[in-house]
N, C-alpha and C. Protein backbone atom coordinates (compact mmCIF):
# COMPACT_ATOMS: atom_id res chain seq x y z
N MET A 1 103.80 83.51 122.46
CA MET A 1 103.49 82.77 121.27
C MET A 1 102.35 83.47 120.54
N PHE A 2 102.43 83.50 119.23
CA PHE A 2 101.41 84.09 118.36
C PHE A 2 100.90 82.99 117.45
N VAL A 3 99.56 82.82 117.39
CA VAL A 3 98.96 81.79 116.54
C VAL A 3 97.93 82.44 115.64
N LYS A 4 97.93 82.09 114.34
CA LYS A 4 96.97 82.62 113.38
C LYS A 4 96.58 81.50 112.44
N LYS A 5 95.28 81.34 112.20
CA LYS A 5 94.80 80.33 111.27
C LYS A 5 94.31 81.00 110.01
N LEU A 6 94.87 80.61 108.86
CA LEU A 6 94.48 81.14 107.56
C LEU A 6 94.04 79.97 106.70
N GLY A 7 92.73 79.85 106.46
CA GLY A 7 92.22 78.73 105.67
C GLY A 7 92.49 77.42 106.38
N THR A 8 93.24 76.53 105.74
CA THR A 8 93.55 75.23 106.34
C THR A 8 94.96 75.18 106.92
N VAL A 9 95.62 76.32 107.02
CA VAL A 9 96.99 76.38 107.52
C VAL A 9 97.01 77.19 108.81
N MET A 10 97.71 76.67 109.82
CA MET A 10 97.86 77.41 111.07
C MET A 10 99.31 77.87 111.18
N TYR A 11 99.49 79.13 111.44
CA TYR A 11 100.81 79.69 111.65
C TYR A 11 100.99 79.97 113.13
N ALA A 12 102.12 79.58 113.69
CA ALA A 12 102.42 79.87 115.09
C ALA A 12 103.84 80.43 115.15
N THR A 13 104.04 81.43 115.95
CA THR A 13 105.35 82.03 116.12
C THR A 13 105.80 81.80 117.56
N ILE A 14 106.99 81.26 117.72
CA ILE A 14 107.54 81.08 119.06
C ILE A 14 108.94 81.68 119.09
N ASN A 15 109.39 82.03 120.25
CA ASN A 15 110.72 82.62 120.41
C ASN A 15 111.76 81.54 120.60
N GLY A 16 112.95 81.82 120.12
CA GLY A 16 114.06 80.89 120.28
C GLY A 16 115.38 81.59 120.00
N ILE A 17 116.45 80.85 120.21
CA ILE A 17 117.80 81.39 119.96
C ILE A 17 118.56 80.37 119.12
N PHE A 18 119.23 80.84 118.08
CA PHE A 18 120.08 80.00 117.24
C PHE A 18 121.51 80.39 117.54
N GLU A 19 122.30 79.40 117.98
CA GLU A 19 123.69 79.69 118.30
C GLU A 19 124.55 78.46 118.02
N ASN A 20 125.63 78.64 117.32
CA ASN A 20 126.56 77.56 116.99
C ASN A 20 125.87 76.37 116.34
N GLY A 21 124.94 76.64 115.41
CA GLY A 21 124.26 75.58 114.68
C GLY A 21 123.15 74.88 115.45
N ILE A 22 122.81 75.36 116.64
CA ILE A 22 121.78 74.73 117.46
C ILE A 22 120.63 75.72 117.66
N LEU A 23 119.40 75.22 117.48
CA LEU A 23 118.21 76.04 117.70
C LEU A 23 117.62 75.67 119.06
N LEU A 24 117.58 76.61 119.97
CA LEU A 24 117.00 76.43 121.29
C LEU A 24 115.67 77.16 121.33
N MET A 25 114.58 76.40 121.46
CA MET A 25 113.25 77.01 121.52
C MET A 25 112.99 77.48 122.95
N LEU A 26 112.59 78.73 123.11
CA LEU A 26 112.32 79.30 124.42
C LEU A 26 110.86 79.15 124.82
N GLU A 27 110.03 78.67 123.90
CA GLU A 27 108.61 78.44 124.16
C GLU A 27 108.25 77.06 123.61
N THR A 28 107.18 76.50 124.12
CA THR A 28 106.72 75.19 123.65
C THR A 28 105.91 75.35 122.38
N PRO A 29 106.24 74.61 121.32
CA PRO A 29 105.45 74.69 120.09
C PRO A 29 104.01 74.22 120.34
N PRO A 30 103.06 74.69 119.53
CA PRO A 30 101.66 74.34 119.75
C PRO A 30 101.32 72.91 119.33
N THR A 31 102.27 72.17 118.74
CA THR A 31 102.02 70.79 118.32
C THR A 31 103.29 69.98 118.49
N ALA A 32 103.10 68.67 118.69
CA ALA A 32 104.25 67.77 118.77
C ALA A 32 104.36 66.95 117.49
N LYS A 33 103.39 67.11 116.57
CA LYS A 33 103.40 66.38 115.30
C LYS A 33 104.49 66.93 114.38
N LYS A 34 104.87 66.11 113.40
CA LYS A 34 105.81 66.56 112.38
C LYS A 34 105.16 67.72 111.63
N SER A 35 105.86 68.82 111.49
CA SER A 35 105.30 70.03 110.87
C SER A 35 106.35 70.72 110.02
N LYS A 36 105.88 71.39 109.00
CA LYS A 36 106.76 72.28 108.23
C LYS A 36 107.03 73.51 109.09
N VAL A 37 108.23 74.05 109.00
CA VAL A 37 108.57 75.25 109.75
C VAL A 37 109.27 76.24 108.84
N VAL A 38 109.16 77.51 109.19
CA VAL A 38 109.90 78.59 108.55
C VAL A 38 110.65 79.30 109.67
N ILE A 39 111.94 79.40 109.55
CA ILE A 39 112.74 80.04 110.59
C ILE A 39 113.19 81.39 110.09
N THR A 40 112.91 82.42 110.87
CA THR A 40 113.30 83.78 110.52
C THR A 40 114.39 84.24 111.49
N PHE A 41 115.51 84.67 110.96
CA PHE A 41 116.59 85.15 111.81
C PHE A 41 116.46 86.65 111.97
N MET A 42 116.46 87.10 113.21
CA MET A 42 116.35 88.53 113.51
C MET A 42 117.68 88.99 114.11
N GLU A 43 118.40 89.76 113.33
CA GLU A 43 119.69 90.27 113.79
C GLU A 43 119.46 91.56 114.55
N GLU A 44 120.08 91.66 115.72
CA GLU A 44 119.95 92.89 116.49
C GLU A 44 120.84 93.95 115.86
N LEU A 45 120.24 95.06 115.52
CA LEU A 45 120.97 96.16 114.90
C LEU A 45 121.25 97.23 115.94
N GLU A 46 122.28 98.00 115.69
CA GLU A 46 122.56 99.08 116.62
C GLU A 46 121.44 100.11 116.51
N THR A 47 121.11 100.68 117.64
CA THR A 47 120.02 101.65 117.65
C THR A 47 120.46 102.95 116.99
N LEU A 48 119.56 103.53 116.25
CA LEU A 48 119.85 104.80 115.60
C LEU A 48 119.66 105.94 116.59
N PRO A 49 120.47 106.97 116.48
CA PRO A 49 120.28 108.10 117.39
C PRO A 49 118.96 108.80 117.10
N LYS A 50 118.37 109.35 118.14
CA LYS A 50 117.12 110.08 117.96
C LYS A 50 117.39 111.33 117.12
N PRO A 51 116.48 111.64 116.20
CA PRO A 51 116.70 112.85 115.40
C PRO A 51 116.67 114.08 116.30
N THR A 52 117.46 115.06 115.90
CA THR A 52 117.48 116.29 116.69
C THR A 52 116.17 117.04 116.49
N LYS A 53 115.77 117.75 117.51
CA LYS A 53 114.52 118.51 117.42
C LYS A 53 114.73 119.69 116.48
N ARG A 54 113.68 119.98 115.72
CA ARG A 54 113.74 121.11 114.81
C ARG A 54 113.42 122.38 115.57
N LYS A 55 114.09 123.43 115.15
CA LYS A 55 113.85 124.73 115.77
C LYS A 55 112.61 125.34 115.13
N LEU A 56 111.64 125.72 115.95
CA LEU A 56 110.44 126.36 115.43
C LEU A 56 110.82 127.68 114.75
N GLY A 57 110.25 127.92 113.59
CA GLY A 57 110.53 129.15 112.86
C GLY A 57 111.86 129.12 112.13
N GLY A 58 112.43 127.93 111.96
CA GLY A 58 113.74 127.82 111.32
C GLY A 58 113.74 128.23 109.85
N LEU A 59 112.57 128.22 109.19
CA LEU A 59 112.48 128.61 107.78
C LEU A 59 111.90 130.02 107.61
N GLU A 60 111.77 130.73 108.69
CA GLU A 60 111.20 132.07 108.61
C GLU A 60 112.01 132.94 107.65
N GLY A 61 111.29 133.58 106.72
CA GLY A 61 111.93 134.46 105.75
C GLY A 61 112.45 133.72 104.52
N LYS A 62 112.44 132.40 104.52
CA LYS A 62 112.96 131.63 103.39
C LYS A 62 111.83 131.15 102.48
N ILE A 63 110.61 131.11 103.00
CA ILE A 63 109.46 130.63 102.23
C ILE A 63 108.40 131.71 102.27
N SER A 64 107.77 131.95 101.12
CA SER A 64 106.68 132.93 101.10
C SER A 64 105.51 132.37 100.29
N ILE A 65 104.31 132.79 100.65
CA ILE A 65 103.10 132.38 99.95
C ILE A 65 102.58 133.61 99.23
N PRO A 66 102.36 133.52 97.92
CA PRO A 66 101.88 134.69 97.18
C PRO A 66 100.47 135.09 97.63
N ASP A 67 100.14 136.37 97.48
CA ASP A 67 98.83 136.88 97.90
C ASP A 67 97.69 136.21 97.16
N ASP A 68 97.91 135.79 95.91
CA ASP A 68 96.84 135.17 95.12
C ASP A 68 96.84 133.64 95.22
N PHE A 69 97.38 133.10 96.29
CA PHE A 69 97.52 131.66 96.46
C PHE A 69 96.19 130.92 96.32
N ASN A 70 95.11 131.45 96.89
CA ASN A 70 93.80 130.79 96.87
C ASN A 70 92.96 131.12 95.64
N GLU A 71 93.46 131.92 94.74
CA GLU A 71 92.72 132.28 93.53
C GLU A 71 92.75 131.13 92.54
N PRO A 72 91.70 130.98 91.71
CA PRO A 72 91.68 129.91 90.71
C PRO A 72 92.83 130.08 89.72
N LEU A 73 93.36 128.95 89.27
CA LEU A 73 94.45 128.98 88.29
C LEU A 73 93.88 129.13 86.89
N ASP A 74 94.50 129.98 86.08
CA ASP A 74 94.05 130.19 84.70
C ASP A 74 94.10 128.89 83.90
N ASP A 75 95.05 128.05 84.16
CA ASP A 75 95.19 126.78 83.44
C ASP A 75 94.02 125.83 83.66
N LEU A 76 93.26 126.03 84.74
CA LEU A 76 92.17 125.11 85.08
C LEU A 76 90.78 125.69 84.82
N LYS A 77 90.71 126.87 84.22
CA LYS A 77 89.42 127.53 84.00
C LYS A 77 88.44 126.65 83.21
N GLU A 78 88.93 125.92 82.22
CA GLU A 78 88.04 125.11 81.39
C GLU A 78 87.43 123.94 82.16
N TYR A 79 88.01 123.56 83.29
CA TYR A 79 87.49 122.44 84.07
C TYR A 79 86.53 122.89 85.17
N MET A 80 86.48 124.17 85.44
CA MET A 80 85.63 124.67 86.54
C MET A 80 84.24 125.00 86.01
N PHE A 81 83.24 124.87 86.84
CA PHE A 81 81.84 125.16 86.43
C PHE A 81 81.61 126.64 86.40
């Protein structure tokens, strides 16, 4: 169970199962008083396959950095001190 108090409102999360129109709570609620509730349905999704590992050096020869990469850009000269 997860409980959080925000201002004058207390939020509590409990586990349960909804099946054939019936809600079965798997945990005891933190109160027996009449309370507003919000029910969130969590659908189990199929697990995604793990991404394949990338080959190190796979882009070798396809990308190059120019020799003047670290030199100031002419377009920005007016902004530099």
